Amino acid sequence: MIRVVVVDDEALVRSGFQLILNAADDIQVVATAEGAQAAEVIRREQPDVVLLDIRMPDVDGLTVLRQIQDLPAPPQVAMLTTFDTDEYILTALRSGAGGFLLKDTEPEQLAQLVRTLAAGGVVMSPKASRALLRSHPGAGAPQDAEVARVNLLSDREREVLVLIAQGLSNADIGTRIHLSAGTIKDHVSSILTKLRVSSRVQAALLAERAGLLSGNGDDTARDRG
């Protein structure tokens, strides 16, 4: 059973997410909270996954995220956003968030995204990724030095990076390309080191910027290498 805490200042959002997720056989929303209560509720409930609103009037999501990261065994966190003009989302991703969800994510997708997050995967739906690039044009513009680091990856590491960006966990990647989860873990560690990033989400964003997700990553990386 995947234990989830939903943190949002709007009661309607909290109850809606709780209703949708509790309909899944393998997911249980063990608590909901507003920003000021969030850290204590998460510390008490010890969930596997936290869905965290990035903008709240009393305590903003970035503050709560930092508090969560200080816990001895922090849960996986996905930020909730409307992506209107949210300048905080990149900071959240760089601060350890495991992805981001739009609040209007389709109900049938929500449970699967929570499962992906709980398994250590990256949660970036195509709709949310497009919204990020629209809100932060610089996030989608290749920068020579960063994109060139993709050239440091082996063919296998590039393959793993694409699967990371698709939201697969280590176990799922191993199944897809017929390698053990331990081998995939080693590949992921090498990828993060070579790309000079600290999280799977940052690696996924760089993969998108380098063009790997559109099928032209090799050409893009070579052209800029």
C-alpha atoms as a PDB file:
ATOM      1  CA  MET A   1       0.000   0.000   0.000  1.00  0.00           C
ATOM      2  CA  ILE A   2       1.395   3.392  -1.053  1.00  0.00           C
ATOM      3  CA  ARG A   3       0.842   5.923   1.731  1.00  0.00           C
ATOM      4  CA  VAL A   4       0.189   9.465   0.529  1.00  0.00           C
ATOM      5  CA  VAL A   5      -0.150  12.879   2.189  1.00  0.00           C
ATOM      6  CA  VAL A   6      -1.749  15.710   0.193  1.00  0.00           C
ATOM      7  CA  VAL A   7      -0.719  19.254   1.158  1.00  0.00           C
ATOM      8  CA  ASP A   8      -2.738  22.140  -0.283  1.00  0.00           C
ATOM      9  CA  ASP A   9      -4.374  25.263   1.110  1.00  0.00           C
ATOM     10  CA  GLU A  10      -7.632  24.562  -0.785  1.00  0.00           C
ATOM     11  CA  ALA A  11      -9.963  22.066   0.876  1.00  0.00           C
ATOM     12  CA  LEU A  12     -11.538  21.193  -2.473  1.00  0.00           C
ATOM     13  CA  VAL A  13      -8.179  20.173  -3.925  1.00  0.00           C
ATOM     14  CA  ARG A  14      -7.315  18.087  -0.867  1.00  0.00           C
ATOM     15  CA  SER A  15     -10.640  16.267  -0.832  1.00  0.00           C
ATOM     16  CA  GLY A  16     -10.615  15.762  -4.608  1.00  0.00           C
ATOM     17  CA  PHE A  17      -7.173  14.178  -4.642  1.00  0.00           C
ATOM     18  CA  GLN A  18      -8.064  12.076  -1.614  1.00  0.00           C
ATOM     19  CA  LEU A  19     -11.230  10.779  -3.262  1.00  0.00           C
ATOM     20  CA  ILE A  20      -9.473   9.914  -6.523  1.00  0.00           C
ATOM     21  CA  LEU A  21      -6.455   8.221  -4.963  1.00  0.00           C
ATOM     22  CA  ASN A  22      -8.382   6.252  -2.353  1.00  0.00           C
ATOM     23  CA  ALA A  23     -10.326   4.638  -5.194  1.00  0.00           C
ATOM     24  CA  ALA A  24      -7.124   2.774  -6.145  1.00  0.00           C
ATOM     25  CA  ASP A  25      -6.597  -0.572  -4.436  1.00  0.00           C
ATOM     26  CA  ASP A  26      -2.901   0.057  -3.730  1.00  0.00           C
ATOM     27  CA  ILE A  27      -2.973   3.718  -2.624  1.00  0.00           C
ATOM     28  CA  GLN A  28      -4.163   5.270   0.622  1.00  0.00           C
ATOM     29  CA  VAL A  29      -4.251   8.969   1.451  1.00  0.00           C
ATOM     30  CA  VAL A  30      -3.347   8.758   5.125  1.00  0.00           C
ATOM     31  CA  ALA A  31      -3.677  12.498   5.774  1.00  0.00           C
ATOM     32  CA  THR A  32      -4.219  15.888   4.190  1.00  0.00           C
ATOM     33  CA  ALA A  33      -2.849  19.163   5.485  1.00  0.00           C
ATOM     34  CA  GLU A  34      -2.450  22.864   4.901  1.00  0.00           C
ATOM     35  CA  GLY A  35       1.010  24.363   4.689  1.00  0.00           C
ATOM     36  CA  ALA A  36       1.482  25.292   8.335  1.00  0.00           C
ATOM     37  CA  GLN A  37       0.600  21.772   9.471  1.00  0.00           C
ATOM     38  CA  ALA A  38       2.411  19.922   6.717  1.00  0.00           C
ATOM     39  CA  ALA A  39       5.815  19.176   8.226  1.00  0.00           C
ATOM     40  CA  GLU A  40       4.363  17.822  11.470  1.00  0.00           C
ATOM     41  CA  VAL A  41       1.743  15.711   9.662  1.00  0.00           C
ATOM     42  CA  ILE A  42       4.389  14.237   7.335  1.00  0.00           C
ATOM     43  CA  ARG A  43       6.729  13.553  10.246  1.00  0.00           C
ATOM     44  CA  ARG A  44       3.928  11.761  12.098  1.00  0.00           C
ATOM     45  CA  GLU A  45       2.460   9.772   9.186  1.00  0.00           C
ATOM     46  CA  GLN A  46       5.753   8.871   7.441  1.00  0.00           C
ATOM     47  CA  PRO A  47       4.157   8.609   3.979  1.00  0.00           C
ATOM     48  CA  ASP A  48       5.808   7.191   0.877  1.00  0.00           C
ATOM     49  CA  VAL A  49       4.639  10.083  -1.292  1.00  0.00           C
ATOM     50  CA  VAL A  50       3.731  13.725  -0.667  1.00  0.00           C
ATOM     51  CA  LEU A  51       1.767  15.818  -3.155  1.00  0.00           C
ATOM     52  CA  LEU A  52       2.728  19.368  -2.213  1.00  0.00           C
ATOM     53  CA  ASP A  53       1.216  22.624  -3.414  1.00  0.00           C
ATOM     54  CA  ILE A  54       4.019  24.957  -4.404  1.00  0.00           C
ATOM     55  CA  ARG A  55       2.066  28.128  -3.558  1.00  0.00           C
ATOM     56  CA  MET A  56       0.268  28.487  -0.221  1.00  0.00           C
ATOM     57  CA  PRO A  57      -0.514  31.661   1.713  1.00  0.00           C
ATOM     58  CA  ASP A  58       0.754  30.649   5.150  1.00  0.00           C
ATOM     59  CA  VAL A  59       3.841  28.513   4.409  1.00  0.00           C
ATOM     60  CA  ASP A  60       4.974  28.169   0.819  1.00  0.00           C
ATOM     61  CA  GLY A  61       5.762  24.806  -0.714  1.00  0.00           C
ATOM     62  CA  LEU A  62       9.495  25.464  -0.997  1.00  0.00           C
ATOM     63  CA  THR A  63       9.718  25.912   2.777  1.00  0.00           C
ATOM     64  CA  VAL A  64       7.790  22.699   3.362  1.00  0.00           C
ATOM     65  CA  LEU A  65       9.978  20.903   0.803  1.00  0.00           C
ATOM     66  CA  ARG A  66      13.125  21.931   2.673  1.00  0.00           C
ATOM     67  CA  GLN A  67      11.595  20.711   5.934  1.00  0.00           C
ATOM     68  CA  ILE A  68      10.739  17.384   4.315  1.00  0.00           C
ATOM     69  CA  GLN A  69      14.248  16.952   2.928  1.00  0.00           C
ATOM     70  CA  ASP A  70      15.632  17.344   6.450  1.00  0.00           C
ATOM     71  CA  LEU A  71      13.725  14.288   7.687  1.00  0.00           C
ATOM     72  CA  PRO A  72      15.752  11.110   8.344  1.00  0.00           C
ATOM     73  CA  ALA A  73      13.907   9.221   5.579  1.00  0.00           C
ATOM     74  CA  PRO A  74      12.212  11.829   3.389  1.00  0.00           C
ATOM     75  CA  PRO A  75       9.319  10.698   1.191  1.00  0.00           C
ATOM     76  CA  GLN A  76       9.109  11.232  -2.548  1.00  0.00           C
ATOM     77  CA  VAL A  77       7.609  14.646  -3.286  1.00  0.00           C
ATOM     78  CA  ALA A  78       5.754  15.947  -6.325  1.00  0.00           C
ATOM     79  CA  MET A  79       4.893  19.623  -6.476  1.00  0.00           C
ATOM     80  CA  LEU A  80       1.347  20.652  -7.357  1.00  0.00           C
ATOM     81  CA  THR A  81       0.956  23.726  -9.542  1.00  0.00           C
ATOM     82  CA  THR A  82      -1.350  25.466 -11.969  1.00  0.00           C
ATOM     83  CA  PHE A  83       1.653  26.710 -13.978  1.00  0.00           C
ATOM     84  CA  ASP A  84       0.137  30.106 -14.595  1.00  0.00           C
ATOM     85  CA  THR A  85       3.322  32.092 -13.926  1.00  0.00           C
ATOM     86  CA  ASP A  86       5.120  29.961 -11.392  1.00  0.00           C
ATOM     87  CA  GLU A  87       8.710  31.070 -11.012  1.00  0.00           C
ATOM     88  CA  TYR A  88       9.309  28.657  -8.141  1.00  0.00           C
ATOM     89  CA  ILE A  89       9.009  25.337  -9.944  1.00  0.00           C
ATOM     90  CA  LEU A  90      12.619  25.119 -11.160  1.00  0.00           C
ATOM     91  CA  THR A  91      13.855  25.943  -7.669  1.00  0.00           C
ATOM     92  CA  ALA A  92      11.671  23.150  -6.302  1.00  0.00           C
ATOM     93  CA  LEU A  93      13.067  20.633  -8.775  1.00  0.00           C
ATOM     94  CA  ARG A  94      16.624  21.659  -7.948  1.00  0.00           C
ATOM     95  CA  SER A  95      15.788  21.355  -4.246  1.00  0.00           C
ATOM     96  CA  GLY A  96      14.899  17.693  -4.439  1.00  0.00           C
ATOM     97  CA  ALA A  97      11.313  17.493  -5.671  1.00  0.00           C
ATOM     98  CA  GLY A  98      10.693  14.306  -7.613  1.00  0.00           C
ATOM     99  CA  GLY A  99       8.534  15.966 -10.225  1.00  0.00           C
ATOM    100  CA  PHE A 100       5.520  18.131 -10.729  1.00  0.00           C
ATOM    101  CA  LEU A 101       1.818  17.640 -11.395  1.00  0.00           C
ATOM    102  CA  LEU A 102      -0.719  20.047 -12.756  1.00  0.00           C
ATOM    103  CA  LYS A 103      -3.754  20.323 -10.514  1.00  0.00           C
ATOM    104  CA  ASP A 104      -5.982  19.469 -13.469  1.00  0.00           C
ATOM    105  CA  THR A 105      -4.190  16.156 -14.119  1.00  0.00           C
ATOM    106  CA  GLU A 106      -6.694  13.640 -15.468  1.00  0.00           C
ATOM    107  CA  PRO A 107      -8.064  11.456 -12.637  1.00  0.00           C
ATOM    108  CA  GLU A 108      -7.207   8.241 -14.476  1.00  0.00           C
ATOM    109  CA  GLN A 109      -3.563   9.354 -14.713  1.00  0.00           C
ATOM    110  CA  LEU A 110      -3.156  10.470 -11.114  1.00  0.00           C
ATOM    111  CA  ALA A 111      -2.889   7.051  -9.476  1.00  0.00           C
ATOM    112  CA  GLN A 112      -0.309   5.858 -11.995  1.00  0.00           C
ATOM    113  CA  LEU A 113       1.767   8.988 -11.502  1.00  0.00           C
ATOM    114  CA  VAL A 114       1.755   8.377  -7.732  1.00  0.00           C
ATOM    115  CA  ARG A 115       2.868   4.764  -8.327  1.00  0.00           C
ATOM    116  CA  THR A 116       5.700   5.996 -10.546  1.00  0.00           C
ATOM    117  CA  LEU A 117       6.801   8.499  -7.917  1.00  0.00           C
ATOM    118  CA  ALA A 118       6.680   5.892  -5.139  1.00  0.00           C
ATOM    119  CA  ALA A 119       8.877   3.583  -7.219  1.00  0.00           C
ATOM    120  CA  GLY A 120      11.533   6.294  -7.572  1.00  0.00           C
ATOM    121  CA  GLY A 121      10.540   7.414 -11.038  1.00  0.00           C
ATOM    122  CA  VAL A 122      10.298  10.938 -12.407  1.00  0.00           C
ATOM    123  CA  VAL A 123       6.812  12.438 -12.540  1.00  0.00           C
ATOM    124  CA  MET A 124       6.624  14.810 -15.477  1.00  0.00           C
ATOM    125  CA  SER A 125       3.549  14.367 -17.630  1.00  0.00           C
ATOM    126  CA  PRO A 126       3.868  15.690 -21.208  1.00  0.00           C
ATOM    127  CA  LYS A 127       1.295  18.372 -20.455  1.00  0.00           C
ATOM    128  CA  ALA A 128       3.221  19.496 -17.384  1.00  0.00           C
ATOM    129  CA  SER A 129       6.538  19.474 -19.270  1.00  0.00           C
ATOM    130  CA  ARG A 130       5.095  21.687 -21.999  1.00  0.00           C
ATOM    131  CA  ALA A 131       3.730  24.024 -19.356  1.00  0.00           C
ATOM    132  CA  LEU A 132       7.156  24.237 -17.710  1.00  0.00           C
ATOM    133  CA  LEU A 133       8.841  25.156 -20.985  1.00  0.00           C
ATOM    134  CA  ARG A 134       6.187  27.788 -21.733  1.00  0.00           C
ATOM    135  CA  SER A 135       6.469  29.301 -18.253  1.00  0.00           C
ATOM    136  CA  HIS A 136      10.290  29.186 -18.268  1.00  0.00           C
ATOM    137  CA  PRO A 137      11.547  29.528 -21.870  1.00  0.00           C
ATOM    138  CA  GLY A 138      15.150  29.404 -20.670  1.00  0.00           C
ATOM    139  CA  ALA A 139      14.570  25.943 -19.251  1.00  0.00           C
ATOM    140  CA  GLY A 140      14.021  24.619 -22.749  1.00  0.00           C
ATOM    141  CA  ALA A 141      16.789  26.477 -24.522  1.00  0.00           C
ATOM    142  CA  PRO A 142      19.892  24.322 -24.964  1.00  0.00           C
ATOM    143  CA  GLN A 143      23.011  25.733 -23.367  1.00  0.00           C
ATOM    144  CA  ASP A 144      26.249  24.582 -25.001  1.00  0.00           C
ATOM    145  CA  ALA A 145      28.129  23.531 -21.887  1.00  0.00           C
ATOM    146  CA  GLU A 146      25.240  21.590 -20.375  1.00  0.00           C
ATOM    147  CA  VAL A 147      24.060  19.885 -23.551  1.00  0.00           C
ATOM    148  CA  ALA A 148      27.638  18.937 -24.414  1.00  0.00           C
ATOM    149  CA  ARG A 149      27.789  16.829 -21.246  1.00  0.00           C
ATOM    150  CA  VAL A 150      25.400  14.406 -22.933  1.00  0.00           C
ATOM    151  CA  ASN A 151      28.358  13.443 -25.149  1.00  0.00           C
ATOM    152  CA  LEU A 152      30.019  12.004 -22.049  1.00  0.00           C
ATOM    153  CA  LEU A 153      27.319   9.352 -21.759  1.00  0.00           C
ATOM    154  CA  SER A 154      27.721   5.907 -23.261  1.00  0.00           C
ATOM    155  CA  ASP A 155      25.040   4.597 -25.611  1.00  0.00           C
ATOM    156  CA  ARG A 156      23.617   2.507 -22.775  1.00  0.00           C
ATOM    157  CA  GLU A 157      23.586   5.497 -20.415  1.00  0.00           C
ATOM    158  CA  ARG A 158      21.714   7.547 -23.001  1.00  0.00           C
ATOM    159  CA  GLU A 159      19.190   4.762 -23.296  1.00  0.00           C
ATOM    160  CA  VAL A 160      18.755   4.717 -19.518  1.00  0.00           C
ATOM    161  CA  LEU A 161      18.500   8.526 -19.416  1.00  0.00           C
ATOM    162  CA  VAL A 162      15.621   8.502 -21.906  1.00  0.00           C
ATOM    163  CA  LEU A 163      13.792   5.920 -19.801  1.00  0.00           C
ATOM    164  CA  ILE A 164      14.415   8.006 -16.666  1.00  0.00           C
ATOM    165  CA  ALA A 165      12.842  10.969 -18.442  1.00  0.00           C
ATOM    166  CA  GLN A 166       9.854   8.810 -19.327  1.00  0.00           C
ATOM    167  CA  GLY A 167       9.270   8.321 -15.602  1.00  0.00           C
ATOM    168  CA  LEU A 168      10.379   4.706 -15.225  1.00  0.00           C
ATOM    169  CA  SER A 169      11.802   3.415 -11.950  1.00  0.00           C
ATOM    170  CA  ASN A 170      15.082   1.481 -11.815  1.00  0.00           C
ATOM    171  CA  ALA A 171      13.187  -1.804 -11.703  1.00  0.00           C
ATOM    172  CA  ASP A 172      11.051  -0.854 -14.702  1.00  0.00           C
ATOM    173  CA  ILE A 173      14.105   0.270 -16.673  1.00  0.00           C
ATOM    174  CA  GLY A 174      15.846  -3.005 -15.871  1.00  0.00           C
ATOM    175  CA  THR A 175      12.856  -4.968 -17.100  1.00  0.00           C
ATOM    176  CA  ARG A 176      12.665  -2.901 -20.279  1.00  0.00           C
ATOM    177  CA  ILE A 177      16.310  -3.376 -21.273  1.00  0.00           C
ATOM    178  CA  HIS A 178      16.943  -6.722 -19.550  1.00  0.00           C
ATOM    179  CA  LEU A 179      19.398  -5.603 -16.869  1.00  0.00           C
ATOM    180  CA  SER A 180      19.314  -6.001 -13.097  1.00  0.00           C
ATOM    181  CA  ALA A 181      18.041  -3.174 -10.906  1.00  0.00           C
ATOM    182  CA  GLY A 182      21.516  -2.969  -9.350  1.00  0.00           C
ATOM    183  CA  THR A 183      23.118  -2.418 -12.754  1.00  0.00           C
ATOM    184  CA  ILE A 184      20.565   0.259 -13.570  1.00  0.00           C
ATOM    185  CA  LYS A 185      21.301   1.953 -10.233  1.00  0.00           C
ATOM    186  CA  ASP A 186      24.991   2.084 -11.195  1.00  0.00           C
ATOM    187  CA  HIS A 187      24.097   3.557 -14.596  1.00  0.00           C
ATOM    188  CA  VAL A 188      21.886   6.193 -12.969  1.00  0.00           C
ATOM    189  CA  SER A 189      24.675   7.174 -10.574  1.00  0.00           C
ATOM    190  CA  SER A 190      27.096   7.512 -13.477  1.00  0.00           C
ATOM    191  CA  ILE A 191      24.606   9.575 -15.476  1.00  0.00           C
ATOM    192  CA  LEU A 192      24.027  12.030 -12.626  1.00  0.00           C
ATOM    193  CA  THR A 193      27.771  12.388 -12.122  1.00  0.00           C
ATOM    194  CA  LYS A 194      28.542  12.971 -15.803  1.00  0.00           C
ATOM    195  CA  LEU A 195      25.686  15.437 -16.249  1.00  0.00           C
ATOM    196  CA  ARG A 196      26.600  17.219 -12.985  1.00  0.00           C
ATOM    197  CA  VAL A 197      23.055  17.085 -11.668  1.00  0.00           C
ATOM    198  CA  SER A 198      21.788  15.871  -8.318  1.00  0.00           C
ATOM    199  CA  SER A 199      18.406  14.347  -9.145  1.00  0.00           C
ATOM    200  CA  ARG A 200      16.599  12.269 -11.733  1.00  0.00           C
ATOM    201  CA  VAL A 201      14.284  15.186 -12.479  1.00  0.00           C
ATOM    202  CA  GLN A 202      17.193  17.470 -13.341  1.00  0.00           C
ATOM    203  CA  ALA A 203      18.625  14.737 -15.567  1.00  0.00           C
ATOM    204  CA  ALA A 204      15.245  14.357 -17.270  1.00  0.00           C
ATOM    205  CA  LEU A 205      14.988  18.085 -17.928  1.00  0.00           C
ATOM    206  CA  LEU A 206      18.479  18.094 -19.413  1.00  0.00           C
ATOM    207  CA  ALA A 207      17.562  15.128 -21.612  1.00  0.00           C
ATOM    208  CA  GLU A 208      14.623  17.095 -22.956  1.00  0.00           C
ATOM    209  CA  ARG A 209      16.749  20.171 -23.538  1.00  0.00           C
ATOM    210  CA  ALA A 210      19.326  18.067 -25.388  1.00  0.00           C
ATOM    211  CA  GLY A 211      16.634  16.707 -27.680  1.00  0.00           C
ATOM    212  CA  LEU A 212      16.863  13.092 -26.535  1.00  0.00           C
ATOM    213  CA  LEU A 213      13.125  12.838 -26.040  1.00  0.00           C
ATOM    214  CA  SER A 214      12.295  13.998 -29.545  1.00  0.00           C
ATOM    215  CA  GLY A 215      14.529  11.432 -31.208  1.00  0.00           C
ATOM    216  CA  ASN A 216      17.228  13.896 -32.276  1.00  0.00           C
ATOM    217  CA  GLY A 217      19.349  13.969 -29.139  1.00  0.00           C
ATOM    218  CA  ASP A 218      22.426  12.451 -30.773  1.00  0.00           C
ATOM    219  CA  ASP A 219      22.494  15.080 -33.495  1.00  0.00           C
ATOM    220  CA  THR A 220      21.816  17.904 -31.064  1.00  0.00           C
ATOM    221  CA  ALA A 221      24.558  16.809 -28.701  1.00  0.00           C
ATOM    222  CA  ARG A 222      27.069  16.311 -31.510  1.00  0.00           C
ATOM    223  CA  ASP A 223      26.252  19.664 -33.096  1.00  0.00           C
ATOM    224  CA  ARG A 224      26.847  21.419 -29.797  1.00  0.00           C
ATOM    225  CA  GLY A 225      29.752  19.295 -28.687  1.00  0.00           C
END
